[in-house]
Amino acid sequence: MEAVITQDRQELERLEGIIRENVGTFYEIGDSLTKIRVNKYYHKGLRFETFEEYCKKRWDFASRYAERLIASVKVIENMRPIGRIPETESQVRPLAHLTADQQLIAWQKAVSTGSGWASRQWKSFNMGLRRKPSSDKL
């Protein structure tokens, strides 16, 4: 049992190191947060009762922000096959509410029209796409 706790603690420290080193790199942070949540390292290693409590007290991340970072991982993984991927969490955010196929269409459209789409342009573009059913949300 002690060996498992030690391994969990070491993995938690490794993942938290990634977060510390990459505070501006949303994908790596989202991926690390995903693994911390899925494996409950926040509880096993640090005894936080909830993932939300861990995010707030350890990183001063609101749970909503942590969820956006985690959602961005799924979007980026979906985008990898097409090559050019979003570079910021704010570029990923409007795509997270779309189906995987719609994400690809929307991103290809954004890339083909040039960089620097403003949020109002995303909002207008996304209005033309059907949103995912609420059961697909995090």
N, C-alpha and C. Protein backbone atom coordinates (compact mmCIF):
# COMPACT_ATOMS: atom_id res chain seq x y z
N MET A 1 0.83 -1.20 0.00
CA MET A 1 0.00 0.00 0.00
C MET A 1 0.87 1.26 0.00
N GLU A 2 1.92 1.24 0.82
CA GLU A 2 2.83 2.39 0.91
C GLU A 2 3.49 2.67 -0.44
N ALA A 3 3.83 1.62 -1.18
CA ALA A 3 4.48 1.78 -2.49
C ALA A 3 3.53 2.46 -3.47
N VAL A 4 2.25 2.11 -3.43
CA VAL A 4 1.25 2.73 -4.31
C VAL A 4 1.10 4.20 -3.99
N ILE A 5 1.05 4.53 -2.72
CA ILE A 5 0.92 5.94 -2.31
C ILE A 5 2.15 6.72 -2.76
N THR A 6 3.33 6.13 -2.62
CA THR A 6 4.57 6.78 -3.06
C THR A 6 4.56 6.98 -4.56
N GLN A 7 4.14 5.98 -5.32
CA GLN A 7 4.06 6.10 -6.78
C GLN A 7 3.06 7.18 -7.17
N ASP A 8 1.90 7.21 -6.52
CA ASP A 8 0.89 8.23 -6.81
C ASP A 8 1.43 9.62 -6.50
N ARG A 9 2.12 9.74 -5.40
CA ARG A 9 2.69 11.04 -5.01
C ARG A 9 3.74 11.49 -6.02
N GLN A 10 4.57 10.56 -6.48
CA GLN A 10 5.59 10.90 -7.48
C GLN A 10 4.94 11.32 -8.79
N GLU A 11 3.89 10.63 -9.19
CA GLU A 11 3.19 10.99 -10.43
C GLU A 11 2.52 12.34 -10.28
N LEU A 12 1.92 12.59 -9.13
CA LEU A 12 1.31 13.90 -8.87
C LEU A 12 2.36 14.99 -8.97
N GLU A 13 3.51 14.80 -8.36
CA GLU A 13 4.59 15.80 -8.40
C GLU A 13 5.07 16.02 -9.83
N ARG A 14 5.18 14.95 -10.62
CA ARG A 14 5.60 15.08 -12.02
C ARG A 14 4.59 15.90 -12.81
N LEU A 15 3.31 15.58 -12.66
CA LEU A 15 2.26 16.29 -13.38
C LEU A 15 2.16 17.75 -12.94
N GLU A 16 2.31 17.99 -11.66
CA GLU A 16 2.29 19.37 -11.18
C GLU A 16 3.50 20.15 -11.69
N GLY A 17 4.62 19.48 -11.87
CA GLY A 17 5.79 20.13 -12.46
C GLY A 17 5.50 20.60 -13.87
N ILE A 18 4.76 19.81 -14.62
CA ILE A 18 4.36 20.20 -15.97
C ILE A 18 3.51 21.46 -15.90
N ILE A 19 2.57 21.50 -14.96
CA ILE A 19 1.72 22.69 -14.82
C ILE A 19 2.57 23.91 -14.49
N ARG A 20 3.46 23.78 -13.52
CA ARG A 20 4.32 24.90 -13.12
C ARG A 20 5.15 25.43 -14.29
N GLU A 21 5.73 24.52 -15.07
CA GLU A 21 6.61 24.89 -16.17
C GLU A 21 5.87 25.44 -17.37
N ASN A 22 4.59 25.14 -17.47
CA ASN A 22 3.83 25.47 -18.68
C ASN A 22 2.58 26.27 -18.41
N VAL A 23 2.64 27.16 -17.44
CA VAL A 23 1.43 27.89 -17.08
C VAL A 23 0.81 28.56 -18.31
N GLY A 24 1.60 28.97 -19.28
CA GLY A 24 1.06 29.59 -20.48
C GLY A 24 0.72 28.59 -21.58
N THR A 25 0.95 27.33 -21.36
CA THR A 25 0.74 26.31 -22.37
C THR A 25 -0.50 25.49 -22.01
N PHE A 26 -1.61 25.89 -22.57
CA PHE A 26 -2.90 25.35 -22.14
C PHE A 26 -3.06 23.85 -22.37
N TYR A 27 -2.52 23.31 -23.46
CA TYR A 27 -2.73 21.89 -23.74
C TYR A 27 -2.08 21.01 -22.67
N GLU A 28 -0.83 21.30 -22.35
CA GLU A 28 -0.11 20.49 -21.36
C GLU A 28 -0.77 20.59 -19.99
N ILE A 29 -1.23 21.78 -19.65
CA ILE A 29 -1.92 21.94 -18.36
C ILE A 29 -3.23 21.15 -18.37
N GLY A 30 -4.00 21.28 -19.44
CA GLY A 30 -5.27 20.55 -19.54
C GLY A 30 -5.06 19.05 -19.50
N ASP A 31 -4.02 18.57 -20.18
CA ASP A 31 -3.72 17.13 -20.18
C ASP A 31 -3.33 16.67 -18.78
N SER A 32 -2.50 17.46 -18.10
CA SER A 32 -2.10 17.10 -16.73
C SER A 32 -3.29 17.13 -15.78
N LEU A 33 -4.12 18.15 -15.90
CA LEU A 33 -5.32 18.23 -15.05
C LEU A 33 -6.25 17.04 -15.30
N THR A 34 -6.37 16.65 -16.56
CA THR A 34 -7.21 15.49 -16.90
C THR A 34 -6.72 14.25 -16.16
N LYS A 35 -5.42 14.01 -16.22
CA LYS A 35 -4.84 12.83 -15.58
C LYS A 35 -4.95 12.90 -14.06
N ILE A 36 -4.75 14.09 -13.50
CA ILE A 36 -4.89 14.26 -12.05
C ILE A 36 -6.33 13.97 -11.63
N ARG A 37 -7.29 14.45 -12.42
CA ARG A 37 -8.70 14.22 -12.08
C ARG A 37 -9.09 12.76 -12.25
N VAL A 38 -8.76 12.18 -13.40
CA VAL A 38 -9.15 10.80 -13.69
C VAL A 38 -8.57 9.83 -12.65
N ASN A 39 -7.31 10.04 -12.28
CA ASN A 39 -6.64 9.14 -11.33
C ASN A 39 -6.81 9.55 -9.87
N LYS A 40 -7.54 10.65 -9.66
CA LYS A 40 -7.81 11.17 -8.31
C LYS A 40 -6.54 11.40 -7.51
N TYR A 41 -5.49 11.85 -8.19
CA TYR A 41 -4.24 12.16 -7.50
C TYR A 41 -4.41 13.31 -6.52
N TYR A 42 -5.36 14.19 -6.80
CA TYR A 42 -5.61 15.32 -5.89
C TYR A 42 -6.02 14.83 -4.51
N HIS A 43 -6.67 13.67 -4.47
CA HIS A 43 -7.11 13.11 -3.19
C HIS A 43 -6.06 12.17 -2.61
N LYS A 44 -5.55 11.29 -3.46
CA LYS A 44 -4.56 10.31 -3.01
C LYS A 44 -3.28 10.98 -2.52
N GLY A 45 -2.82 11.98 -3.26
CA GLY A 45 -1.55 12.59 -2.93
C GLY A 45 -1.63 13.74 -1.95
N LEU A 46 -2.72 14.51 -2.03
CA LEU A 46 -2.79 15.73 -1.22
C LEU A 46 -4.01 15.78 -0.30
N ARG A 47 -4.86 14.80 -0.40
CA ARG A 47 -6.04 14.70 0.48
C ARG A 47 -7.08 15.78 0.26
N PHE A 48 -7.14 16.36 -0.94
CA PHE A 48 -8.24 17.27 -1.24
C PHE A 48 -9.48 16.42 -1.45
N GLU A 49 -10.61 16.89 -0.97
CA GLU A 49 -11.85 16.12 -1.10
C GLU A 49 -12.36 16.10 -2.53
N THR A 50 -12.23 17.22 -3.25
CA THR A 50 -12.76 17.30 -4.61
C THR A 50 -11.70 17.85 -5.55
N PHE A 51 -11.88 17.57 -6.82
CA PHE A 51 -11.00 18.11 -7.84
C PHE A 51 -11.12 19.64 -7.88
N GLU A 52 -12.32 20.14 -7.71
CA GLU A 52 -12.55 21.58 -7.72
C GLU A 52 -11.78 22.26 -6.59
N GLU A 53 -11.81 21.65 -5.40
CA GLU A 53 -11.07 22.20 -4.26
C GLU A 53 -9.57 22.20 -4.55
N TYR A 54 -9.09 21.11 -5.13
CA TYR A 54 -7.67 21.01 -5.51
C TYR A 54 -7.29 22.14 -6.47
N CYS A 55 -8.07 22.34 -7.52
CA CYS A 55 -7.76 23.37 -8.52
C CYS A 55 -7.72 24.75 -7.89
N LYS A 56 -8.67 25.03 -7.04
CA LYS A 56 -8.76 26.35 -6.42
C LYS A 56 -7.62 26.59 -5.43
N LYS A 57 -7.41 25.65 -4.53
CA LYS A 57 -6.43 25.86 -3.47
C LYS A 57 -4.99 25.67 -3.95
N ARG A 58 -4.78 24.77 -4.89
CA ARG A 58 -3.42 24.48 -5.33
C ARG A 58 -2.97 25.44 -6.43
N TRP A 59 -3.88 25.80 -7.35
CA TRP A 59 -3.50 26.58 -8.53
C TRP A 59 -4.27 27.89 -8.68
N ASP A 60 -5.21 28.13 -7.81
CA ASP A 60 -6.08 29.30 -7.91
C ASP A 60 -6.82 29.33 -9.25
N PHE A 61 -7.21 28.13 -9.71
CA PHE A 61 -8.01 27.98 -10.93
C PHE A 61 -9.45 27.80 -10.51
N ALA A 62 -10.34 28.60 -11.06
CA ALA A 62 -11.76 28.35 -10.88
C ALA A 62 -12.09 27.03 -11.58
N SER A 63 -13.07 26.31 -11.07
CA SER A 63 -13.40 25.02 -11.67
C SER A 63 -13.80 25.18 -13.14
N ARG A 64 -14.43 26.28 -13.47
CA ARG A 64 -14.84 26.52 -14.86
C ARG A 64 -13.62 26.63 -15.78
N TYR A 65 -12.58 27.31 -15.30
CA TYR A 65 -11.35 27.44 -16.09
C TYR A 65 -10.67 26.08 -16.25
N ALA A 66 -10.61 25.31 -15.17
CA ALA A 66 -10.01 23.98 -15.25
C ALA A 66 -10.78 23.11 -16.24
N GLU A 67 -12.09 23.19 -16.22
CA GLU A 67 -12.91 22.42 -17.16
C GLU A 67 -12.64 22.83 -18.61
N ARG A 68 -12.44 24.13 -18.83
CA ARG A 68 -12.13 24.60 -20.19
C ARG A 68 -10.78 24.05 -20.65
N LEU A 69 -9.82 24.03 -19.75
CA LEU A 69 -8.50 23.48 -20.11
C LEU A 69 -8.61 22.00 -20.44
N ILE A 70 -9.39 21.28 -19.66
CA ILE A 70 -9.58 19.85 -19.90
C ILE A 70 -10.32 19.63 -21.23
N ALA A 71 -11.34 20.43 -21.49
CA ALA A 71 -12.08 20.31 -22.75
C ALA A 71 -11.18 20.62 -23.94
N SER A 72 -10.23 21.52 -23.76
CA SER A 72 -9.34 21.89 -24.87
C SER A 72 -8.49 20.71 -25.32
N VAL A 73 -8.17 19.82 -24.40
CA VAL A 73 -7.38 18.63 -24.75
C VAL A 73 -8.13 17.79 -25.78
N LYS A 74 -9.42 17.59 -25.55
CA LYS A 74 -10.23 16.80 -26.48
C LYS A 74 -10.28 17.45 -27.86
N VAL A 75 -10.43 18.76 -27.89
CA VAL A 75 -10.49 19.47 -29.17
C VAL A 75 -9.16 19.35 -29.90
N ILE A 76 -8.06 19.58 -29.21
CA ILE A 76 -6.75 19.50 -29.85
C ILE A 76 -6.48 18.09 -30.37
N GLU A 77 -6.83 17.09 -29.59
CA GLU A 77 -6.64 15.71 -30.07
C GLU A 77 -7.46 15.45 -31.33
N ASN A 78 -8.63 16.03 -31.40
CA ASN A 78 -9.46 15.90 -32.59
C ASN A 78 -8.85 16.62 -33.79
N MET A 79 -8.15 17.72 -33.55
CA MET A 79 -7.58 18.54 -34.61
C MET A 79 -6.25 18.02 -35.16
N ARG A 80 -5.53 17.24 -34.39
CA ARG A 80 -4.18 16.81 -34.78
C ARG A 80 -4.09 16.26 -36.20
N PRO A 81 -5.04 15.46 -36.65
CA PRO A 81 -4.91 14.89 -38.01
C PRO A 81 -4.91 15.94 -39.13
N ILE A 82 -5.47 17.11 -38.89
CA ILE A 82 -5.52 18.10 -39.98
C ILE A 82 -4.30 19.01 -40.01
N GLY A 83 -3.40 18.86 -39.04
CA GLY A 83 -2.18 19.65 -39.07
C GLY A 83 -2.23 20.87 -38.18
N ARG A 84 -2.54 22.00 -38.74
CA ARG A 84 -2.52 23.24 -37.95
C ARG A 84 -3.60 23.20 -36.88
N ILE A 85 -3.17 23.40 -35.64
CA ILE A 85 -4.09 23.32 -34.52
C ILE A 85 -4.17 24.67 -33.82
N PRO A 86 -5.24 24.91 -33.07
CA PRO A 86 -5.35 26.16 -32.31
C PRO A 86 -4.15 26.33 -31.37
N GLU A 87 -3.74 27.56 -31.19
CA GLU A 87 -2.57 27.84 -30.36
C GLU A 87 -2.90 28.36 -28.98
N THR A 88 -4.14 28.75 -28.76
CA THR A 88 -4.54 29.28 -27.46
C THR A 88 -5.85 28.65 -27.00
N GLU A 89 -6.05 28.68 -25.70
CA GLU A 89 -7.29 28.15 -25.15
C GLU A 89 -8.48 28.95 -25.65
N SER A 90 -8.30 30.24 -25.86
CA SER A 90 -9.42 31.07 -26.33
C SER A 90 -9.82 30.71 -27.77
N GLN A 91 -8.89 30.18 -28.56
CA GLN A 91 -9.24 29.72 -29.91
C GLN A 91 -10.00 28.39 -29.83
N VAL A 92 -9.69 27.60 -28.82
CA VAL A 92 -10.32 26.28 -28.67
C VAL A 92 -11.72 26.39 -28.08
N ARG A 93 -11.89 27.34 -27.18
CA ARG A 93 -13.14 27.45 -26.40
C ARG A 93 -14.41 27.36 -27.25
N PRO A 94 -14.55 28.13 -28.34
CA PRO A 94 -15.81 28.03 -29.09
C PRO A 94 -15.97 26.70 -29.81
N LEU A 95 -14.88 26.00 -30.03
CA LEU A 95 -14.95 24.70 -30.71
C LEU A 95 -15.41 23.59 -29.77
N ALA A 96 -15.17 23.75 -28.49
CA ALA A 96 -15.46 22.69 -27.52
C ALA A 96 -16.94 22.34 -27.45
N HIS A 97 -17.80 23.25 -27.87
CA HIS A 97 -19.25 23.01 -27.79
C HIS A 97 -19.80 22.35 -29.05
N LEU A 98 -18.93 22.07 -29.98
CA LEU A 98 -19.35 21.47 -31.25
C LEU A 98 -19.02 19.99 -31.28
N THR A 99 -19.66 19.27 -32.19
CA THR A 99 -19.32 17.87 -32.39
C THR A 99 -17.92 17.81 -33.00
N ALA A 100 -17.31 16.64 -32.98
CA ALA A 100 -15.96 16.47 -33.52
C ALA A 100 -15.90 16.90 -34.99
N ASP A 101 -16.87 16.47 -35.79
CA ASP A 101 -16.89 16.85 -37.21
C ASP A 101 -17.06 18.36 -37.38
N GLN A 102 -17.93 18.95 -36.58
CA GLN A 102 -18.14 20.40 -36.66
C GLN A 102 -16.90 21.18 -36.24
N GLN A 103 -16.17 20.64 -35.28
CA GLN A 103 -14.92 21.28 -34.86
C GLN A 103 -13.96 21.39 -36.04
N LEU A 104 -13.82 20.30 -36.77
CA LEU A 104 -12.91 20.29 -37.93
C LEU A 104 -13.36 21.29 -38.99
N ILE A 105 -14.64 21.31 -39.28
CA ILE A 105 -15.18 22.24 -40.28
C ILE A 105 -14.95 23.69 -39.83
N ALA A 106 -15.29 23.98 -38.60
CA ALA A 106 -15.15 25.35 -38.09
C ALA A 106 -13.70 25.79 -38.09
N TRP A 107 -12.80 24.93 -37.64
CA TRP A 107 -11.39 25.32 -37.59
C TRP A 107 -10.81 25.49 -38.98
N GLN A 108 -11.14 24.60 -39.90
CA GLN A 108 -10.64 24.75 -41.27
C GLN A 108 -11.15 26.05 -41.88
N LYS A 109 -12.38 26.41 -41.59
CA LYS A 109 -12.94 27.67 -42.07
C LYS A 109 -12.17 28.84 -41.47
N ALA A 110 -11.90 28.79 -40.18
CA ALA A 110 -11.16 29.87 -39.51
C ALA A 110 -9.76 30.01 -40.09
N VAL A 111 -9.09 28.90 -40.30
CA VAL A 111 -7.72 28.92 -40.83
C VAL A 111 -7.72 29.44 -42.27
N SER A 112 -8.70 29.05 -43.06
CA SER A 112 -8.73 29.47 -44.46
C SER A 112 -9.02 30.96 -44.63
N THR A 113 -9.63 31.58 -43.64
CA THR A 113 -9.93 33.01 -43.73
C THR A 113 -8.86 33.87 -43.07
N GLY A 114 -7.84 33.23 -42.53
CA GLY A 114 -6.75 33.98 -41.90
C GLY A 114 -6.83 33.91 -40.39
N SER A 115 -5.77 34.32 -39.75
CA SER A 115 -5.72 34.25 -38.30
C SER A 115 -6.39 35.46 -37.67
N GLY A 116 -6.54 35.38 -36.37
CA GLY A 116 -7.05 36.52 -35.62
C GLY A 116 -8.56 36.67 -35.60
N TRP A 117 -9.27 35.57 -35.72
CA TRP A 117 -10.72 35.67 -35.63
C TRP A 117 -11.11 36.24 -34.28
N ALA A 118 -11.92 37.24 -34.29
CA ALA A 118 -12.42 37.82 -33.04
C ALA A 118 -13.55 36.95 -32.49
N SER A 119 -13.82 37.08 -31.20
CA SER A 119 -14.85 36.24 -30.59
C SER A 119 -16.21 36.45 -31.24
N ARG A 120 -16.50 37.66 -31.69
CA ARG A 120 -17.81 37.89 -32.34
C ARG A 120 -17.89 37.14 -33.67
N GLN A 121 -16.74 37.00 -34.36
CA GLN A 121 -16.73 36.23 -35.60
C GLN A 121 -16.96 34.76 -35.31
N TRP A 122 -16.35 34.23 -34.24
CA TRP A 122 -16.58 32.84 -33.85
C TRP A 122 -18.04 32.63 -33.50
N LYS A 123 -18.57 33.56 -32.72
CA LYS A 123 -19.96 33.43 -32.29
C LYS A 123 -20.89 33.40 -33.51
N SER A 124 -20.66 34.30 -34.44
CA SER A 124 -21.47 34.34 -35.65
C SER A 124 -21.32 33.06 -36.45
N PHE A 125 -20.09 32.59 -36.60
CA PHE A 125 -19.84 31.37 -37.37
C PHE A 125 -20.48 30.16 -36.69
N ASN A 126 -20.32 30.05 -35.37
CA ASN A 126 -20.86 28.91 -34.64
C ASN A 126 -22.38 28.88 -34.64
N MET A 127 -23.01 30.04 -34.77
CA MET A 127 -24.47 30.08 -34.79
C MET A 127 -25.01 29.26 -35.96
N GLY A 128 -24.23 29.14 -37.03
CA GLY A 128 -24.65 28.37 -38.19
C GLY A 128 -24.45 26.88 -38.04
N LEU A 129 -23.79 26.46 -36.98
CA LEU A 129 -23.55 25.04 -36.74
C LEU A 129 -24.42 24.56 -35.60
N ARG A 130 -24.90 23.36 -35.72
CA ARG A 130 -25.72 22.77 -34.67
C ARG A 130 -24.83 22.42 -33.48
N ARG A 131 -25.25 22.80 -32.29
CA ARG A 131 -24.48 22.50 -31.08
C ARG A 131 -24.68 21.04 -30.70
N LYS A 132 -23.69 20.52 -29.97
CA LYS A 132 -23.78 19.16 -29.46
C LYS A 132 -24.92 19.07 -28.46
N PRO A 133 -25.54 17.92 -28.34
CA PRO A 133 -26.54 17.74 -27.28
C PRO A 133 -25.87 17.93 -25.92
N SER A 134 -26.64 18.38 -24.94
CA SER A 134 -26.07 18.68 -23.62
C SER A 134 -25.45 17.47 -22.96
N SER A 135 -25.83 16.26 -23.32
CA SER A 135 -25.26 15.06 -22.70
C SER A 135 -23.80 14.87 -23.09
N ASP A 136 -23.31 15.58 -24.15
CA ASP A 136 -21.92 15.48 -24.56
C ASP A 136 -21.03 16.43 -23.82
N LYS A 137 -21.58 17.32 -23.01
CA LYS A 137 -20.79 18.29 -22.28
C LYS A 137 -20.07 17.61 -21.14
N LEU A 138 -19.02 18.30 -20.63
CA LEU A 138 -18.26 17.77 -19.50
C LEU A 138 -19.10 17.67 -18.26
